Structure formats: structure tokens, C-alpha cells
N, C-alpha and C. Protein backbone atom coordinates (compact mmCIF):
# COMPACT_ATOMS: atom_id res chain seq x y z
N MET A 1 -28.71 -27.50 -126.73
CA MET A 1 -27.36 -26.95 -126.68
C MET A 1 -27.20 -26.00 -125.49
N SER A 2 -28.25 -25.22 -125.18
CA SER A 2 -28.14 -24.29 -124.06
C SER A 2 -28.05 -25.03 -122.73
N PHE A 3 -28.68 -26.20 -122.63
CA PHE A 3 -28.59 -26.99 -121.40
C PHE A 3 -27.16 -27.46 -121.18
N LEU A 4 -26.48 -27.87 -122.23
CA LEU A 4 -25.09 -28.30 -122.13
C LEU A 4 -24.19 -27.14 -121.70
N ARG A 5 -24.45 -25.95 -122.24
CA ARG A 5 -23.68 -24.76 -121.83
C ARG A 5 -23.91 -24.47 -120.35
N PHE A 6 -25.13 -24.62 -119.90
CA PHE A 6 -25.45 -24.37 -118.50
C PHE A 6 -24.70 -25.36 -117.59
N ILE A 7 -24.67 -26.62 -117.99
CA ILE A 7 -23.95 -27.64 -117.21
C ILE A 7 -22.46 -27.33 -117.20
N ILE A 8 -21.91 -26.94 -118.33
CA ILE A 8 -20.48 -26.59 -118.39
C ILE A 8 -20.20 -25.36 -117.53
N PHE A 9 -21.10 -24.38 -117.55
CA PHE A 9 -20.96 -23.19 -116.73
C PHE A 9 -20.95 -23.57 -115.24
N LEU A 10 -21.91 -24.39 -114.82
CA LEU A 10 -21.97 -24.82 -113.42
C LEU A 10 -20.72 -25.60 -113.03
N LEU A 11 -20.24 -26.46 -113.88
CA LEU A 11 -19.03 -27.23 -113.62
C LEU A 11 -17.83 -26.29 -113.48
N GLY A 12 -17.75 -25.28 -114.35
CA GLY A 12 -16.66 -24.29 -114.27
C GLY A 12 -16.71 -23.51 -112.97
N VAL A 13 -17.91 -23.09 -112.55
CA VAL A 13 -18.05 -22.36 -111.29
C VAL A 13 -17.63 -23.25 -110.12
N PHE A 14 -18.06 -24.51 -110.14
CA PHE A 14 -17.69 -25.45 -109.08
C PHE A 14 -16.18 -25.62 -109.01
N ILE A 15 -15.53 -25.77 -110.16
CA ILE A 15 -14.07 -25.97 -110.19
C ILE A 15 -13.36 -24.72 -109.66
N ILE A 16 -13.83 -23.55 -110.03
CA ILE A 16 -13.20 -22.31 -109.55
C ILE A 16 -13.35 -22.19 -108.03
N ILE A 17 -14.54 -22.45 -107.51
CA ILE A 17 -14.76 -22.39 -106.06
C ILE A 17 -13.89 -23.43 -105.35
N PHE A 18 -13.80 -24.62 -105.91
CA PHE A 18 -12.97 -25.68 -105.34
C PHE A 18 -11.51 -25.24 -105.28
N LEU A 19 -10.99 -24.70 -106.38
CA LEU A 19 -9.59 -24.28 -106.42
C LEU A 19 -9.33 -23.10 -105.48
N LEU A 20 -10.26 -22.14 -105.41
CA LEU A 20 -10.10 -21.02 -104.48
C LEU A 20 -10.14 -21.49 -103.03
N ALA A 21 -10.99 -22.45 -102.73
CA ALA A 21 -11.08 -22.98 -101.37
C ALA A 21 -9.79 -23.66 -100.96
N LEU A 22 -9.09 -24.26 -101.91
CA LEU A 22 -7.81 -24.90 -101.58
C LEU A 22 -6.75 -23.88 -101.19
N LEU A 23 -6.94 -22.62 -101.58
CA LEU A 23 -6.01 -21.57 -101.20
C LEU A 23 -6.25 -21.06 -99.78
N LEU A 24 -7.41 -21.39 -99.21
CA LEU A 24 -7.72 -20.98 -97.85
C LEU A 24 -6.90 -21.81 -96.86
N PRO A 25 -6.64 -21.27 -95.68
CA PRO A 25 -5.82 -22.03 -94.71
C PRO A 25 -6.53 -23.28 -94.21
N SER A 26 -5.75 -24.30 -93.92
CA SER A 26 -6.31 -25.55 -93.39
C SER A 26 -6.38 -25.53 -91.87
N LYS A 27 -5.76 -24.53 -91.25
CA LYS A 27 -5.78 -24.39 -89.79
C LYS A 27 -6.32 -23.01 -89.44
N VAL A 28 -7.25 -23.00 -88.49
CA VAL A 28 -7.87 -21.76 -88.05
C VAL A 28 -7.78 -21.71 -86.52
N THR A 29 -7.53 -20.53 -85.99
CA THR A 29 -7.52 -20.34 -84.54
C THR A 29 -8.50 -19.23 -84.19
N VAL A 30 -9.38 -19.53 -83.26
CA VAL A 30 -10.29 -18.54 -82.71
C VAL A 30 -9.79 -18.24 -81.30
N ALA A 31 -9.50 -16.99 -81.03
CA ALA A 31 -8.95 -16.60 -79.72
C ALA A 31 -9.92 -15.65 -79.03
N LYS A 32 -10.20 -15.96 -77.76
CA LYS A 32 -11.06 -15.13 -76.92
C LYS A 32 -10.32 -14.87 -75.62
N SER A 33 -10.42 -13.65 -75.08
CA SER A 33 -9.71 -13.29 -73.86
C SER A 33 -10.64 -12.63 -72.86
N VAL A 34 -10.25 -12.74 -71.59
CA VAL A 34 -10.99 -12.10 -70.52
C VAL A 34 -10.02 -11.81 -69.38
N ASP A 35 -10.24 -10.69 -68.69
CA ASP A 35 -9.48 -10.38 -67.48
C ASP A 35 -10.29 -10.88 -66.29
N ILE A 36 -9.62 -11.60 -65.40
CA ILE A 36 -10.29 -12.21 -64.25
C ILE A 36 -9.63 -11.71 -62.97
N ASN A 37 -10.44 -11.28 -62.02
CA ASN A 37 -9.95 -10.83 -60.72
C ASN A 37 -9.78 -12.03 -59.79
N ALA A 38 -8.82 -12.86 -60.12
CA ALA A 38 -8.53 -14.06 -59.33
C ALA A 38 -7.09 -14.46 -59.60
N SER A 39 -6.57 -15.27 -58.70
CA SER A 39 -5.18 -15.70 -58.84
C SER A 39 -5.02 -16.71 -59.98
N HIS A 40 -3.81 -16.77 -60.43
CA HIS A 40 -3.43 -17.72 -61.48
C HIS A 40 -3.81 -19.14 -61.09
N ASP A 41 -3.51 -19.53 -59.84
CA ASP A 41 -3.78 -20.90 -59.38
C ASP A 41 -5.27 -21.22 -59.33
N LYS A 42 -6.08 -20.26 -58.93
CA LYS A 42 -7.52 -20.49 -58.85
C LYS A 42 -8.12 -20.71 -60.25
N ILE A 43 -7.65 -19.94 -61.21
CA ILE A 43 -8.13 -20.07 -62.59
C ILE A 43 -7.61 -21.38 -63.19
N LYS A 44 -6.36 -21.69 -62.92
CA LYS A 44 -5.77 -22.92 -63.44
C LYS A 44 -6.54 -24.13 -62.92
N ASN A 45 -6.97 -24.10 -61.66
CA ASN A 45 -7.75 -25.20 -61.09
C ASN A 45 -9.09 -25.35 -61.80
N GLN A 46 -9.72 -24.26 -62.18
CA GLN A 46 -11.00 -24.32 -62.90
C GLN A 46 -10.84 -25.00 -64.26
N ILE A 47 -9.67 -24.83 -64.88
CA ILE A 47 -9.45 -25.37 -66.22
C ILE A 47 -8.84 -26.77 -66.17
N ALA A 48 -7.84 -26.98 -65.34
CA ALA A 48 -7.10 -28.24 -65.32
C ALA A 48 -7.84 -29.36 -64.58
N ASN A 49 -8.88 -29.02 -63.86
CA ASN A 49 -9.67 -30.01 -63.12
C ASN A 49 -11.03 -30.15 -63.80
N PHE A 50 -11.25 -31.26 -64.52
CA PHE A 50 -12.50 -31.43 -65.27
C PHE A 50 -13.74 -31.40 -64.37
N GLU A 51 -13.59 -31.71 -63.10
CA GLU A 51 -14.73 -31.64 -62.19
C GLU A 51 -15.23 -30.20 -62.02
N GLN A 52 -14.36 -29.24 -62.25
CA GLN A 52 -14.72 -27.82 -62.14
C GLN A 52 -15.39 -27.28 -63.40
N TRP A 53 -15.33 -28.03 -64.50
CA TRP A 53 -15.89 -27.55 -65.76
C TRP A 53 -17.40 -27.38 -65.70
N LYS A 54 -18.05 -28.04 -64.76
CA LYS A 54 -19.51 -27.88 -64.61
C LYS A 54 -19.85 -26.43 -64.25
N ASN A 55 -18.87 -25.68 -63.74
CA ASN A 55 -19.09 -24.28 -63.38
C ASN A 55 -19.12 -23.34 -64.58
N TRP A 56 -18.57 -23.79 -65.71
CA TRP A 56 -18.44 -22.83 -66.81
C TRP A 56 -18.57 -23.42 -68.22
N TYR A 57 -18.30 -24.68 -68.45
CA TYR A 57 -18.32 -25.24 -69.80
C TYR A 57 -19.72 -25.75 -70.13
N PRO A 58 -20.35 -25.26 -71.19
CA PRO A 58 -21.76 -25.57 -71.48
C PRO A 58 -22.10 -27.06 -71.52
N ALA A 59 -21.28 -27.89 -72.12
CA ALA A 59 -21.60 -29.31 -72.24
C ALA A 59 -21.65 -30.00 -70.87
N PHE A 60 -20.86 -29.53 -69.92
CA PHE A 60 -20.86 -30.12 -68.58
C PHE A 60 -22.11 -29.72 -67.80
N LYS A 61 -22.78 -28.67 -68.23
CA LYS A 61 -24.02 -28.21 -67.58
C LYS A 61 -25.25 -28.89 -68.17
N ASP A 62 -25.12 -29.47 -69.35
CA ASP A 62 -26.25 -30.06 -70.07
C ASP A 62 -26.65 -31.38 -69.44
N GLU A 63 -27.90 -31.49 -68.99
CA GLU A 63 -28.37 -32.71 -68.33
C GLU A 63 -28.56 -33.87 -69.29
N ASN A 64 -28.52 -33.62 -70.60
CA ASN A 64 -28.65 -34.68 -71.60
C ASN A 64 -27.30 -35.32 -71.94
N ILE A 65 -26.25 -34.83 -71.31
CA ILE A 65 -24.90 -35.34 -71.59
C ILE A 65 -24.37 -36.04 -70.34
N THR A 66 -23.84 -37.24 -70.56
CA THR A 66 -23.22 -38.02 -69.48
C THR A 66 -21.72 -37.79 -69.54
N ILE A 67 -21.13 -37.56 -68.38
CA ILE A 67 -19.69 -37.31 -68.29
C ILE A 67 -19.04 -38.52 -67.61
N VAL A 68 -18.07 -39.11 -68.28
CA VAL A 68 -17.39 -40.30 -67.77
C VAL A 68 -15.90 -39.99 -67.63
N LYS A 69 -15.38 -40.18 -66.43
CA LYS A 69 -13.94 -40.00 -66.20
C LYS A 69 -13.22 -41.23 -66.73
N ASN A 70 -12.20 -41.01 -67.54
CA ASN A 70 -11.46 -42.10 -68.17
C ASN A 70 -10.24 -42.49 -67.34
N PRO A 71 -9.81 -43.75 -67.45
CA PRO A 71 -8.59 -44.16 -66.73
C PRO A 71 -7.36 -43.44 -67.28
N SER A 72 -6.35 -43.38 -66.46
CA SER A 72 -5.10 -42.70 -66.85
C SER A 72 -4.44 -43.39 -68.03
N LYS A 73 -3.80 -42.59 -68.87
CA LYS A 73 -3.03 -43.09 -70.00
C LYS A 73 -1.69 -42.35 -70.03
N GLU A 74 -0.77 -42.92 -70.75
CA GLU A 74 0.54 -42.29 -70.90
C GLU A 74 0.39 -40.97 -71.65
N ASN A 75 1.09 -39.94 -71.20
CA ASN A 75 1.10 -38.60 -71.80
C ASN A 75 -0.22 -37.85 -71.66
N ILE A 76 -1.15 -38.36 -70.86
CA ILE A 76 -2.42 -37.67 -70.63
C ILE A 76 -2.58 -37.50 -69.12
N ILE A 77 -2.72 -36.27 -68.67
CA ILE A 77 -2.84 -35.98 -67.25
C ILE A 77 -4.21 -36.39 -66.73
N SER A 78 -5.24 -36.06 -67.49
CA SER A 78 -6.61 -36.37 -67.11
C SER A 78 -7.45 -36.46 -68.38
N SER A 79 -8.55 -37.23 -68.31
CA SER A 79 -9.37 -37.42 -69.50
C SER A 79 -10.82 -37.69 -69.11
N VAL A 80 -11.75 -37.11 -69.87
CA VAL A 80 -13.17 -37.38 -69.69
C VAL A 80 -13.81 -37.58 -71.06
N THR A 81 -14.90 -38.35 -71.06
CA THR A 81 -15.68 -38.55 -72.27
C THR A 81 -17.08 -37.99 -72.04
N LEU A 82 -17.55 -37.20 -72.98
CA LEU A 82 -18.91 -36.67 -72.95
C LEU A 82 -19.75 -37.49 -73.92
N LYS A 83 -20.87 -38.03 -73.44
CA LYS A 83 -21.75 -38.84 -74.29
C LYS A 83 -23.15 -38.23 -74.26
N ASP A 84 -23.72 -38.03 -75.46
CA ASP A 84 -25.10 -37.55 -75.50
C ASP A 84 -26.05 -38.74 -75.65
N LYS A 85 -27.33 -38.46 -75.65
CA LYS A 85 -28.34 -39.52 -75.69
C LYS A 85 -28.36 -40.28 -77.02
N GLU A 86 -27.80 -39.68 -78.07
CA GLU A 86 -27.74 -40.33 -79.38
C GLU A 86 -26.49 -41.20 -79.54
N GLY A 87 -25.64 -41.21 -78.52
CA GLY A 87 -24.43 -42.03 -78.57
C GLY A 87 -23.21 -41.32 -79.11
N LYS A 88 -23.32 -40.05 -79.46
CA LYS A 88 -22.16 -39.29 -79.92
C LYS A 88 -21.25 -39.00 -78.73
N THR A 89 -19.95 -39.10 -78.96
CA THR A 89 -19.00 -38.86 -77.88
C THR A 89 -17.97 -37.81 -78.26
N ILE A 90 -17.51 -37.12 -77.24
CA ILE A 90 -16.39 -36.19 -77.36
C ILE A 90 -15.43 -36.52 -76.23
N LEU A 91 -14.18 -36.68 -76.55
CA LEU A 91 -13.15 -37.01 -75.58
C LEU A 91 -12.30 -35.76 -75.35
N LEU A 92 -12.15 -35.38 -74.09
CA LEU A 92 -11.29 -34.26 -73.71
C LEU A 92 -10.09 -34.80 -72.96
N ASN A 93 -8.90 -34.55 -73.48
CA ASN A 93 -7.66 -35.04 -72.87
C ASN A 93 -6.80 -33.86 -72.43
N LEU A 94 -6.57 -33.75 -71.14
CA LEU A 94 -5.67 -32.74 -70.61
C LEU A 94 -4.25 -33.26 -70.80
N VAL A 95 -3.47 -32.58 -71.64
CA VAL A 95 -2.15 -33.10 -71.99
C VAL A 95 -0.99 -32.27 -71.45
N ASP A 96 -1.24 -31.01 -71.05
CA ASP A 96 -0.13 -30.18 -70.58
C ASP A 96 -0.66 -29.08 -69.67
N THR A 97 0.03 -28.89 -68.55
CA THR A 97 -0.31 -27.78 -67.65
C THR A 97 0.95 -27.04 -67.23
N SER A 98 1.92 -26.98 -68.09
CA SER A 98 3.20 -26.37 -67.73
C SER A 98 3.12 -24.85 -67.80
N ASN A 99 3.82 -24.24 -66.88
CA ASN A 99 3.93 -22.78 -66.78
C ASN A 99 2.57 -22.10 -66.84
N ASN A 100 2.37 -21.25 -67.80
CA ASN A 100 1.14 -20.48 -67.91
C ASN A 100 0.26 -20.98 -69.04
N LYS A 101 0.42 -22.25 -69.40
CA LYS A 101 -0.30 -22.78 -70.56
C LYS A 101 -0.94 -24.12 -70.20
N ILE A 102 -2.19 -24.29 -70.65
CA ILE A 102 -2.91 -25.55 -70.45
C ILE A 102 -3.39 -26.01 -71.82
N ASN A 103 -3.04 -27.24 -72.21
CA ASN A 103 -3.45 -27.79 -73.51
C ASN A 103 -4.42 -28.94 -73.31
N ILE A 104 -5.50 -28.91 -74.09
CA ILE A 104 -6.50 -29.96 -74.05
C ILE A 104 -6.80 -30.39 -75.47
N ASP A 105 -6.62 -31.68 -75.76
CA ASP A 105 -6.98 -32.24 -77.06
C ASP A 105 -8.44 -32.64 -77.03
N VAL A 106 -9.16 -32.32 -78.10
CA VAL A 106 -10.57 -32.65 -78.23
C VAL A 106 -10.71 -33.66 -79.35
N GLU A 107 -11.25 -34.84 -79.03
CA GLU A 107 -11.42 -35.89 -80.04
C GLU A 107 -12.91 -36.19 -80.20
N SER A 108 -13.35 -36.26 -81.45
CA SER A 108 -14.73 -36.62 -81.73
C SER A 108 -14.78 -37.42 -83.02
N ALA A 109 -15.98 -37.83 -83.41
CA ALA A 109 -16.15 -38.59 -84.65
C ALA A 109 -15.89 -37.72 -85.88
N SER A 110 -15.90 -36.44 -85.71
CA SER A 110 -15.68 -35.51 -86.81
C SER A 110 -14.25 -35.64 -87.33
N SER A 111 -14.07 -35.36 -88.61
CA SER A 111 -12.73 -35.39 -89.20
C SER A 111 -11.94 -34.13 -88.86
N THR A 112 -12.60 -33.16 -88.24
CA THR A 112 -11.94 -31.92 -87.86
C THR A 112 -11.22 -32.11 -86.54
N LYS A 113 -9.93 -31.81 -86.52
CA LYS A 113 -9.12 -31.94 -85.31
C LYS A 113 -9.15 -30.61 -84.57
N VAL A 114 -9.47 -30.67 -83.26
CA VAL A 114 -9.58 -29.46 -82.45
C VAL A 114 -8.74 -29.63 -81.20
N ASP A 115 -8.09 -28.54 -80.76
CA ASP A 115 -7.49 -28.54 -79.44
C ASP A 115 -7.65 -27.16 -78.83
N TYR A 116 -7.70 -27.15 -77.50
CA TYR A 116 -7.85 -25.91 -76.74
C TYR A 116 -6.51 -25.58 -76.09
N THR A 117 -6.13 -24.31 -76.17
CA THR A 117 -4.96 -23.83 -75.46
C THR A 117 -5.41 -22.65 -74.61
N PHE A 118 -5.18 -22.76 -73.32
CA PHE A 118 -5.50 -21.69 -72.39
C PHE A 118 -4.19 -21.05 -71.94
N LEU A 119 -4.07 -19.75 -72.12
CA LEU A 119 -2.88 -19.01 -71.70
C LEU A 119 -3.26 -18.12 -70.52
N LEU A 120 -2.55 -18.25 -69.41
CA LEU A 120 -2.81 -17.45 -68.22
C LEU A 120 -1.66 -16.48 -68.03
N ILE A 121 -1.96 -15.19 -68.08
CA ILE A 121 -0.94 -14.17 -67.95
C ILE A 121 -1.23 -13.36 -66.69
N PRO A 122 -0.38 -13.52 -65.66
CA PRO A 122 -0.59 -12.76 -64.42
C PRO A 122 -0.43 -11.26 -64.67
N LYS A 123 -1.31 -10.49 -64.02
CA LYS A 123 -1.27 -9.04 -64.11
C LYS A 123 -1.16 -8.48 -62.70
N LEU A 124 -1.22 -7.18 -62.57
CA LEU A 124 -1.14 -6.53 -61.26
C LEU A 124 -2.43 -6.73 -60.47
N ASN A 125 -2.35 -6.55 -59.17
CA ASN A 125 -3.51 -6.57 -58.26
C ASN A 125 -4.30 -7.87 -58.33
N ASN A 126 -3.60 -9.01 -58.36
CA ASN A 126 -4.24 -10.32 -58.34
C ASN A 126 -5.19 -10.53 -59.52
N GLN A 127 -4.87 -9.93 -60.64
CA GLN A 127 -5.65 -10.13 -61.86
C GLN A 127 -4.89 -11.06 -62.78
N THR A 128 -5.64 -11.78 -63.60
CA THR A 128 -5.04 -12.67 -64.59
C THR A 128 -5.78 -12.50 -65.91
N GLN A 129 -5.01 -12.38 -66.97
CA GLN A 129 -5.61 -12.36 -68.30
C GLN A 129 -5.62 -13.79 -68.82
N LEU A 130 -6.81 -14.26 -69.17
CA LEU A 130 -6.96 -15.62 -69.70
C LEU A 130 -7.32 -15.52 -71.17
N THR A 131 -6.54 -16.20 -72.00
CA THR A 131 -6.82 -16.29 -73.43
C THR A 131 -7.09 -17.74 -73.78
N TRP A 132 -8.21 -17.97 -74.46
CA TRP A 132 -8.61 -19.32 -74.87
C TRP A 132 -8.47 -19.39 -76.37
N ASP A 133 -7.51 -20.18 -76.84
CA ASP A 133 -7.32 -20.40 -78.28
C ASP A 133 -7.97 -21.72 -78.65
N VAL A 134 -8.89 -21.67 -79.58
CA VAL A 134 -9.51 -22.87 -80.12
C VAL A 134 -8.84 -23.10 -81.48
N ASN A 135 -8.00 -24.12 -81.54
CA ASN A 135 -7.23 -24.41 -82.75
C ASN A 135 -7.92 -25.52 -83.53
N ILE A 136 -8.25 -25.23 -84.78
CA ILE A 136 -9.02 -26.16 -85.60
C ILE A 136 -8.21 -26.51 -86.83
N ASN A 137 -8.00 -27.82 -87.04
CA ASN A 137 -7.34 -28.30 -88.24
C ASN A 137 -8.44 -28.82 -89.17
N LEU A 138 -8.69 -28.12 -90.25
CA LEU A 138 -9.80 -28.40 -91.15
C LEU A 138 -9.50 -29.46 -92.20
N GLY A 139 -8.25 -29.81 -92.35
CA GLY A 139 -7.91 -30.80 -93.37
C GLY A 139 -7.94 -30.20 -94.77
N TRP A 140 -8.07 -31.05 -95.76
CA TRP A 140 -8.00 -30.58 -97.15
C TRP A 140 -9.36 -30.36 -97.79
N TYR A 141 -10.45 -30.72 -97.12
CA TYR A 141 -11.77 -30.58 -97.70
C TYR A 141 -12.11 -29.10 -97.96
N PRO A 142 -12.41 -28.73 -99.19
CA PRO A 142 -12.69 -27.32 -99.50
C PRO A 142 -13.88 -26.77 -98.73
N TRP A 143 -14.95 -27.57 -98.55
CA TRP A 143 -16.12 -27.07 -97.84
C TRP A 143 -15.80 -26.83 -96.37
N LYS A 144 -14.87 -27.59 -95.79
CA LYS A 144 -14.45 -27.36 -94.40
C LYS A 144 -13.65 -26.07 -94.31
N ARG A 145 -12.81 -25.81 -95.30
CA ARG A 145 -12.01 -24.58 -95.29
C ARG A 145 -12.90 -23.35 -95.43
N ILE A 146 -13.94 -23.44 -96.24
CA ILE A 146 -14.89 -22.33 -96.36
C ILE A 146 -15.62 -22.16 -95.03
N GLU A 147 -15.99 -23.27 -94.40
CA GLU A 147 -16.63 -23.23 -93.09
C GLU A 147 -15.71 -22.57 -92.05
N GLY A 148 -14.41 -22.78 -92.18
CA GLY A 148 -13.44 -22.21 -91.24
C GLY A 148 -13.46 -20.69 -91.22
N ILE A 149 -13.78 -20.08 -92.36
CA ILE A 149 -13.86 -18.62 -92.43
C ILE A 149 -14.95 -18.12 -91.49
N LEU A 150 -16.02 -18.87 -91.37
CA LEU A 150 -17.19 -18.45 -90.60
C LEU A 150 -17.23 -19.03 -89.19
N PHE A 151 -16.21 -19.77 -88.79
CA PHE A 151 -16.25 -20.46 -87.50
C PHE A 151 -16.45 -19.50 -86.34
N ASP A 152 -15.75 -18.38 -86.35
CA ASP A 152 -15.88 -17.41 -85.26
C ASP A 152 -17.29 -16.83 -85.21
N LYS A 153 -17.89 -16.61 -86.37
CA LYS A 153 -19.26 -16.08 -86.41
C LYS A 153 -20.26 -17.07 -85.83
N PHE A 154 -20.05 -18.38 -86.12
CA PHE A 154 -20.98 -19.40 -85.66
C PHE A 154 -20.83 -19.71 -84.18
N SER A 155 -19.60 -19.82 -83.70
CA SER A 155 -19.40 -20.31 -82.33
C SER A 155 -18.63 -19.37 -81.41
N GLY A 156 -18.18 -18.25 -81.92
CA GLY A 156 -17.42 -17.32 -81.09
C GLY A 156 -18.17 -16.83 -79.87
N SER A 157 -19.47 -16.58 -80.01
CA SER A 157 -20.26 -16.09 -78.87
C SER A 157 -20.39 -17.17 -77.79
N GLN A 158 -20.40 -18.45 -78.18
CA GLN A 158 -20.47 -19.53 -77.19
C GLN A 158 -19.19 -19.58 -76.36
N TYR A 159 -18.04 -19.37 -77.00
CA TYR A 159 -16.78 -19.36 -76.27
C TYR A 159 -16.70 -18.14 -75.34
N GLU A 160 -17.21 -17.01 -75.80
CA GLU A 160 -17.23 -15.81 -74.95
C GLU A 160 -18.12 -16.03 -73.73
N ALA A 161 -19.28 -16.66 -73.91
CA ALA A 161 -20.18 -16.93 -72.79
C ALA A 161 -19.53 -17.91 -71.80
N ALA A 162 -18.83 -18.92 -72.31
CA ALA A 162 -18.14 -19.87 -71.43
C ALA A 162 -17.04 -19.16 -70.65
N LEU A 163 -16.30 -18.27 -71.31
CA LEU A 163 -15.26 -17.52 -70.60
C LEU A 163 -15.86 -16.62 -69.53
N ASP A 164 -17.01 -16.03 -69.81
CA ASP A 164 -17.67 -15.19 -68.81
C ASP A 164 -18.09 -16.04 -67.60
N ASP A 165 -18.61 -17.24 -67.85
CA ASP A 165 -18.97 -18.14 -66.76
C ASP A 165 -17.72 -18.58 -65.98
N LEU A 166 -16.63 -18.81 -66.69
CA LEU A 166 -15.37 -19.17 -66.03
C LEU A 166 -14.89 -18.01 -65.15
N ARG A 167 -14.99 -16.81 -65.66
CA ARG A 167 -14.60 -15.62 -64.87
C ARG A 167 -15.42 -15.54 -63.59
N LYS A 168 -16.72 -15.73 -63.70
CA LYS A 168 -17.60 -15.68 -62.51
C LYS A 168 -17.25 -16.78 -61.52
N ALA A 169 -16.99 -17.99 -62.02
CA ALA A 169 -16.65 -19.10 -61.12
C ALA A 169 -15.32 -18.86 -60.41
N ALA A 170 -14.35 -18.32 -61.11
CA ALA A 170 -13.02 -18.09 -60.52
C ALA A 170 -13.06 -16.92 -59.54
N GLU A 171 -13.89 -15.94 -59.80
CA GLU A 171 -13.95 -14.77 -58.91
C GLU A 171 -14.73 -15.04 -57.63
N ASN A 172 -15.52 -16.10 -57.59
CA ASN A 172 -16.28 -16.44 -56.37
C ASN A 172 -15.44 -17.22 -55.39
């Protein structure tokens, strides 16, 4: 009888966690900012030109990843595919470079939808504030929503390091 109570208790805890997780947001944004001593155009070129990503984006620096430039498509300004040695791919699509905003859609085998938004805000003395928003759509899976709470803790430092490398590349 006590084993049955234990199973019912575990089932109850699982149901409560499941229901609480459904109350968590399905979309998460991680935002990182940096001030760069460079012009708006120089920074925009580092972001909007995938050939420049080798200067700052970690995956473009990894020798185990092959970078393939994709042919032009409608509504996509530029596109590249990153392939690792295991055959996993990530597709980066530059979709908008209007005004002070650059949007990049990230497609992978994962069910999690991600896009990058870079906001460039000109400041005084040839400085630009760059904000990188990583927008994540977690869907309805409760375990993904719980993971979303910790996303900044897991990967926030990687985005900060990439922004620091971008700052160095733009300032040179």
C-alpha cells in the first residue's frame, strides 16, 4: 500500500510541476549590450556581412565547422549554413538591415525557434551602443520553458564574449 501512495505522490508532484511550467512564458529574450568606439556603418558591416563573422562569432572560428554560403532566396538578404563533423547544421538567414536594426533568423534541427536582433544606437564621439537580443521561442514543452529560465545562466557569458570580440574587431 505504501508503494502505491509513493507512486501517487510522484505522479501528483509531476502534474504540479507540469502545470506550473505551463504558466512560464513560451518566449524568452536574452539581451546583451556593449559600447563600441566605432561608426555605425563599421559595426553594421561586421554583423550584416557573414564573411566578417569569423572576427567575432565563435562558430565561425571553430575549425571543426564548415561554413557554406547559400544561394539567394526571396526575402533573405544573405544566408550561410554551418555544418559540424557530425552532420548537424545551423542556418543563419539575414532578413533585415533597415535603419538601426539587423535581424537574423537561426534555423536548426531543434524545435526551439531562435532569432537574433542587433540594435545599433549612435552616440556622441563616434560611439555606438550595440544591443544583441537573442529571442527564443520555446514552444509548449514544459521542460523547455523551465530551461528558458536558465538560458541566460547557461549561455549569457558566450554572448558577452562574442560581443567583446565584435567590439575589438570593429574598433580595429
